[in-house]
Amino acid sequence: MGVLLVIFPALLGAGDSAEARPQRIVSIGMCADQLLLILAERSQIASLSSFATHSNMSYMADAVGDIPLNNASVEDVIPYRPDLVVGTDFAAWDTTRFLRQLGYEVKLITPPTTIEEIYTMLREFGRWTGNQHRAQTLIRKMKQDIETIQSRYAGKPRKSVIVYSPNGYTIGANTLENEILKLAGFRNLAAEMGIDGFQKISLERLIAAKPDVLHIDSNRLNSNSLASAYIGHPVLDRAVSEKDQVFIPARLRICAGPMVTEAIEYLAQRR
C-alpha cells in the first residue's frame, strides 16, 4: 500500500464548490481512473475502467471499492448517463470518437514526460472535474516531497545508470522515467548517449558505457521468452558489478501522477 492512499481525501480537503461540477464522471482508461480516485469526490465517479482494480498496474487499485467498472466501450458507457467522460489520448479511440459524435463531453489526458507536465495535467484534470483546489494542494505536496527526498539522499554519491529491457530496449531522454532517474540522483547514460524515448541499445554499446548500475526492467520480464535472453546474458554479470533486478515498480510508473514521488524515493534509496 503506497503512502498516497492514506492521505486522500483528508490531505486534499473538501474540494471546490459543487456548483457546475460534473456529477456522473465515467473513466475509460486506467490513468484517468487513478486521477479520478485521487482528485474527485467519490460521489462524482459513476464508473471506472476494468483496469482500475489491477493492483500490479494501478496505484489506486485498493481505493476502487464498489465503484462499477466498464470495458471502455460505447455500450458500457452510455447507461451511466455521463456528464463527463475521461480517458487518455492513446486508448479507446473508437469509443471516444463515437461518444463525441453522440454529444458527450470527452476529455483526454496527454501522458506527461516531465514533472512540470504532471503539474499541468493535475491542474487541467482539476478544472475538468471541478476540483481545482485539491489539484493545487496535491501539487504543493508533491513539490515538498521531492525537495525532502532530494535533501534526504543528498549525501549519497551520484551513480550512472542504464535501464535494460527485454529485446534490448533502454529508456532515454524525453521520458518520465528519465526525469525520475535524474531527480533520484542518477545519471542516465542512455540519455547522455543521445538515445531518445524507448530505443534498442546493443549489448556492446551498453558494456562500453560502463554504467555503475544496470536497472533491469523486470516489469516486462517473461522468463520463458527469447526477448528475456537479452537481460540474462552472462556478459552482463561480468561487465556490470551492480545489477538491480527491479526497476521502478509498474504501479509507480505506468501512469503519471503524484505516485512518482514514491518512485523517486524508491530509486534514491537504491542509489
Protein backbone atom coordinates (compact mmCIF):
# COMPACT_ATOMS: atom_id res chain seq x y z
CA MET A 1 0.00 0.00 0.00
CA GLY A 2 1.52 3.30 -1.06
CA VAL A 3 1.72 6.34 1.16
CA LEU A 4 -0.54 8.35 -1.11
CA LEU A 5 -3.55 6.20 -0.41
CA VAL A 6 -3.63 7.23 3.23
CA ILE A 7 -3.69 10.97 2.50
CA PHE A 8 -6.84 11.07 0.36
CA PRO A 9 -9.19 12.73 0.80
CA ALA A 10 -8.08 14.08 4.19
CA LEU A 11 -5.00 15.89 2.92
CA LEU A 12 -6.78 17.40 -0.05
CA GLY A 13 -9.70 18.79 1.92
CA ALA A 14 -13.31 19.05 0.92
CA GLY A 15 -12.53 20.37 -2.56
CA ASP A 16 -14.23 23.10 -4.56
CA SER A 17 -17.83 24.17 -4.78
CA ALA A 18 -20.15 21.52 -6.19
CA GLU A 19 -21.76 24.15 -8.40
CA ALA A 20 -21.35 23.22 -12.10
CA ARG A 21 -19.17 20.27 -11.09
CA PRO A 22 -19.68 17.07 -13.14
CA GLN A 23 -21.67 14.56 -11.11
CA ARG A 24 -21.57 11.41 -13.29
CA ILE A 25 -17.99 11.01 -14.48
CA VAL A 26 -17.02 7.85 -16.36
CA SER A 27 -13.37 6.90 -16.88
CA ILE A 28 -12.39 4.66 -19.79
CA GLY A 29 -8.67 4.45 -19.05
CA MET A 30 -6.52 3.32 -16.15
CA CYS A 31 -4.57 6.57 -15.83
CA ALA A 32 -7.80 8.56 -15.75
CA ASP A 33 -9.14 6.08 -13.18
CA GLN A 34 -6.31 6.91 -10.82
CA LEU A 35 -6.66 10.66 -11.19
CA LEU A 36 -10.39 10.43 -10.50
CA LEU A 37 -9.79 8.39 -7.37
CA ILE A 38 -7.17 10.89 -6.19
CA LEU A 39 -8.84 14.19 -7.06
CA ALA A 40 -12.60 13.74 -7.38
CA GLU A 41 -15.30 13.23 -4.79
CA ARG A 42 -16.33 9.60 -4.73
CA SER A 43 -19.93 10.66 -5.38
CA GLN A 44 -18.81 12.14 -8.71
CA ILE A 45 -17.48 8.83 -10.06
CA ALA A 46 -20.10 6.81 -11.97
CA SER A 47 -17.73 4.17 -13.37
CA LEU A 48 -14.05 3.31 -13.79
CA SER A 49 -12.33 1.18 -16.39
CA SER A 50 -11.87 -2.52 -15.76
CA PHE A 51 -8.12 -1.91 -15.33
CA ALA A 52 -8.73 0.12 -12.18
CA THR A 53 -8.54 -2.95 -9.94
CA HIS A 54 -5.30 -4.39 -11.41
CA SER A 55 -3.10 -3.95 -8.35
CA ASN A 56 0.17 -4.64 -10.18
CA MET A 57 -0.50 -1.70 -12.54
CA SER A 58 -2.90 0.69 -10.81
CA TYR A 59 -1.58 2.62 -7.82
CA MET A 60 -5.12 3.30 -6.60
CA ALA A 61 -6.47 -0.24 -7.03
CA ASP A 62 -7.25 -0.61 -3.32
CA ALA A 63 -9.40 2.53 -3.39
CA VAL A 64 -11.85 1.31 -6.06
CA GLY A 65 -14.20 -0.48 -3.68
CA ASP A 66 -17.70 -0.91 -5.10
CA ILE A 67 -17.44 1.63 -7.92
CA PRO A 68 -18.84 -0.01 -11.09
CA LEU A 69 -16.36 -0.96 -13.80
CA ASN A 70 -16.64 -0.70 -17.58
CA ASN A 71 -14.84 -2.16 -20.61
CA ALA A 72 -14.33 1.20 -22.33
CA SER A 73 -16.98 0.52 -24.96
CA VAL A 74 -19.75 2.88 -26.04
CA GLU A 75 -22.31 0.31 -24.94
CA ASP A 76 -20.77 0.21 -21.47
CA VAL A 77 -20.53 3.97 -21.04
CA ILE A 78 -23.94 5.25 -22.18
CA PRO A 79 -26.04 3.54 -19.46
CA TYR A 80 -24.25 5.66 -16.82
CA ARG A 81 -25.57 8.86 -18.49
CA PRO A 82 -22.19 10.59 -18.00
CA ASP A 83 -21.86 14.35 -17.94
CA LEU A 84 -18.11 13.86 -18.44
CA VAL A 85 -16.04 11.00 -19.88
CA VAL A 86 -12.29 10.97 -19.18
CA GLY A 87 -9.54 8.86 -20.66
CA THR A 88 -6.12 9.03 -22.31
CA ASP A 89 -5.35 10.14 -25.83
CA PHE A 90 -3.78 6.81 -26.79
CA ALA A 91 -6.57 4.39 -25.86
CA ALA A 92 -10.17 3.59 -26.82
CA TRP A 93 -10.05 5.83 -29.91
CA ASP A 94 -13.25 4.43 -31.41
CA THR A 95 -15.12 4.85 -28.14
CA THR A 96 -14.08 8.48 -27.66
CA ARG A 97 -14.87 9.31 -31.30
CA PHE A 98 -18.37 7.83 -31.15
CA LEU A 99 -19.14 9.36 -27.77
CA ARG A 100 -18.22 12.80 -29.08
CA GLN A 101 -20.37 12.25 -32.16
CA LEU A 102 -23.25 11.43 -29.82
CA GLY A 103 -22.74 14.71 -27.96
CA TYR A 104 -20.98 13.51 -24.80
CA GLU A 105 -18.22 15.63 -23.32
CA VAL A 106 -14.95 13.72 -23.52
CA LYS A 107 -11.65 14.92 -22.04
CA LEU A 108 -8.39 13.08 -22.71
CA ILE A 109 -5.09 13.12 -20.83
CA THR A 110 -1.82 13.53 -22.70
CA PRO A 111 0.78 11.43 -20.86
CA PRO A 112 3.38 13.71 -19.23
CA THR A 113 7.10 13.19 -19.74
CA THR A 114 8.27 15.64 -17.04
CA ILE A 115 7.28 16.55 -13.50
CA GLU A 116 6.19 20.01 -14.67
CA GLU A 117 3.88 18.37 -17.20
CA ILE A 118 2.40 16.29 -14.37
CA TYR A 119 1.60 19.51 -12.51
CA THR A 120 -0.06 20.88 -15.66
CA MET A 121 -2.05 17.67 -16.08
CA LEU A 122 -3.25 17.79 -12.45
CA ARG A 123 -4.38 21.41 -12.82
CA GLU A 124 -6.21 20.55 -16.03
CA PHE A 125 -7.87 17.47 -14.56
CA GLY A 126 -8.84 19.53 -11.53
CA ARG A 127 -10.60 22.03 -13.82
CA TRP A 128 -12.37 19.30 -15.75
CA THR A 129 -13.78 17.71 -12.62
CA GLY A 130 -14.33 20.88 -10.58
CA ASN A 131 -11.59 20.03 -8.08
CA GLN A 132 -9.03 22.77 -8.72
CA HIS A 133 -8.32 23.30 -5.02
CA ARG A 134 -7.49 19.66 -4.49
CA ALA A 135 -5.18 19.69 -7.51
CA GLN A 136 -3.28 22.72 -6.24
CA THR A 137 -2.94 21.19 -2.79
CA LEU A 138 -1.60 17.99 -4.28
CA ILE A 139 0.93 19.85 -6.45
CA ARG A 140 2.26 21.68 -3.38
CA LYS A 141 2.58 18.37 -1.55
CA MET A 142 4.45 16.80 -4.48
CA LYS A 143 6.92 19.68 -4.63
CA GLN A 144 7.56 19.47 -0.89
CA ASP A 145 8.02 15.68 -1.06
CA ILE A 146 10.52 15.89 -3.93
CA GLU A 147 12.56 18.53 -2.08
CA THR A 148 12.53 16.37 1.06
CA ILE A 149 13.64 13.25 -0.83
CA GLN A 150 16.50 15.05 -2.56
CA SER A 151 17.65 16.53 0.74
CA ARG A 152 17.42 13.15 2.49
CA TYR A 153 19.71 11.42 -0.01
CA ALA A 154 21.95 14.38 -0.88
CA GLY A 155 24.90 12.75 0.86
CA LYS A 156 24.85 9.64 -1.33
CA PRO A 157 27.13 9.66 -4.39
CA ARG A 158 25.55 10.12 -7.81
CA LYS A 159 25.70 6.99 -9.95
CA SER A 160 25.47 6.37 -13.66
CA VAL A 161 22.75 4.01 -14.81
CA ILE A 162 21.30 2.31 -17.85
CA VAL A 163 17.87 0.70 -17.89
CA TYR A 164 17.78 -2.56 -19.86
CA SER A 165 14.63 -4.29 -21.01
CA PRO A 166 13.76 -7.50 -22.87
CA ASN A 167 14.64 -7.30 -26.59
CA GLY A 168 17.47 -4.93 -25.69
CA TYR A 169 15.46 -1.74 -25.20
CA THR A 170 16.55 1.12 -22.98
CA ILE A 171 14.95 4.36 -21.77
CA GLY A 172 16.46 7.63 -22.90
CA ALA A 173 15.65 11.34 -22.91
CA ASN A 174 12.15 12.83 -23.13
CA THR A 175 10.63 10.16 -20.90
CA LEU A 176 9.15 10.39 -17.44
CA GLU A 177 11.46 7.60 -16.33
CA ASN A 178 14.48 9.71 -17.30
CA GLU A 179 13.15 12.59 -15.22
CA ILE A 180 12.58 10.28 -12.25
CA LEU A 181 16.12 8.91 -12.54
CA LYS A 182 17.59 12.42 -12.52
CA LEU A 183 15.56 13.52 -9.51
CA ALA A 184 16.62 10.33 -7.70
CA GLY A 185 20.27 11.27 -8.22
CA PHE A 186 21.22 9.09 -11.19
CA ARG A 187 22.91 9.96 -14.49
CA ASN A 188 21.00 8.20 -17.22
CA LEU A 189 23.76 7.24 -19.65
CA ALA A 190 21.26 6.35 -22.37
CA ALA A 191 20.07 9.97 -22.45
CA GLU A 192 23.67 11.23 -22.40
CA MET A 193 24.42 8.94 -25.37
CA GLY A 194 21.71 10.67 -27.40
CA ILE A 195 19.04 7.98 -27.07
CA ASP A 196 15.57 9.49 -27.15
CA GLY A 197 12.47 7.76 -25.80
CA PHE A 198 12.44 3.96 -25.89
CA GLN A 199 15.06 2.54 -28.24
CA LYS A 200 17.21 -0.52 -28.65
CA ILE A 201 20.77 -0.43 -27.41
CA SER A 202 23.34 -3.01 -28.44
CA LEU A 203 24.98 -5.12 -25.78
CA GLU A 204 28.36 -3.86 -26.96
CA ARG A 205 27.33 -0.22 -26.60
CA LEU A 206 25.86 -0.85 -23.15
CA ILE A 207 29.03 -2.52 -21.89
CA ALA A 208 31.25 0.20 -23.39
CA ALA A 209 29.26 2.83 -21.47
CA LYS A 210 30.32 1.20 -18.17
CA PRO A 211 27.31 2.13 -16.04
CA ASP A 212 27.66 1.98 -12.28
CA VAL A 213 24.23 0.37 -12.10
CA LEU A 214 22.20 -1.67 -14.56
CA HIS A 215 18.48 -1.44 -13.87
CA ILE A 216 16.65 -4.47 -15.23
CA ASP A 217 13.16 -3.54 -16.34
CA SER A 218 11.55 -6.61 -14.79
CA ASN A 219 8.07 -5.14 -15.33
CA ARG A 220 8.36 -6.51 -18.87
CA LEU A 221 10.07 -9.74 -17.91
CA ASN A 222 8.83 -13.11 -19.14
CA SER A 223 11.46 -15.67 -18.22
CA ASN A 224 10.24 -18.06 -20.92
CA SER A 225 10.60 -15.60 -23.81
CA LEU A 226 13.52 -15.23 -26.19
CA ALA A 227 13.35 -11.49 -25.56
CA SER A 228 14.41 -12.08 -21.96
CA ALA A 229 17.66 -13.65 -23.09
CA TYR A 230 18.98 -10.13 -23.63
CA ILE A 231 18.81 -9.17 -19.96
CA GLY A 232 20.05 -12.58 -18.81
CA HIS A 233 23.20 -12.56 -20.95
CA PRO A 234 26.18 -13.77 -18.88
CA VAL A 235 28.42 -10.99 -20.17
CA LEU A 236 26.33 -8.51 -18.17
CA ASP A 237 27.25 -10.31 -14.95
CA ARG A 238 30.93 -9.87 -15.73
CA ALA A 239 30.77 -6.30 -17.07
CA VAL A 240 28.44 -4.62 -14.57
CA SER A 241 29.10 -5.08 -10.87
CA GLU A 242 25.77 -3.72 -9.64
CA LYS A 243 22.52 -5.01 -11.11
CA ASP A 244 19.12 -4.10 -9.73
CA GLN A 245 16.58 -6.69 -10.81
CA VAL A 246 13.67 -4.35 -10.09
CA PHE A 247 13.43 -1.02 -11.88
CA ILE A 248 10.53 1.26 -10.90
CA PRO A 249 7.55 -0.95 -9.97
CA ALA A 250 4.90 -0.79 -12.69
CA ARG A 251 2.24 0.71 -10.42
CA LEU A 252 4.51 3.73 -9.80
CA ARG A 253 5.35 4.48 -13.44
CA ILE A 254 2.69 3.23 -15.87
CA CYS A 255 0.61 6.33 -15.18
CA ALA A 256 1.97 9.77 -14.37
CA GLY A 257 0.74 11.35 -11.18
CA PRO A 258 1.64 12.04 -7.56
CA MET A 259 2.84 8.46 -7.20
CA VAL A 260 6.06 9.45 -8.99
CA THR A 261 7.32 10.92 -5.72
CA GLU A 262 7.28 7.39 -4.31
CA ALA A 263 9.12 6.20 -7.42
CA ILE A 264 11.80 8.85 -6.90
CA GLU A 265 12.35 7.76 -3.31
CA TYR A 266 12.31 4.09 -4.32
CA LEU A 267 15.24 4.72 -6.68
CA ALA A 268 17.06 7.18 -4.42
CA GLN A 269 17.15 4.53 -1.67
CA ARG A 270 18.92 2.18 -4.08
CA ARG A 271 21.48 4.69 -5.32
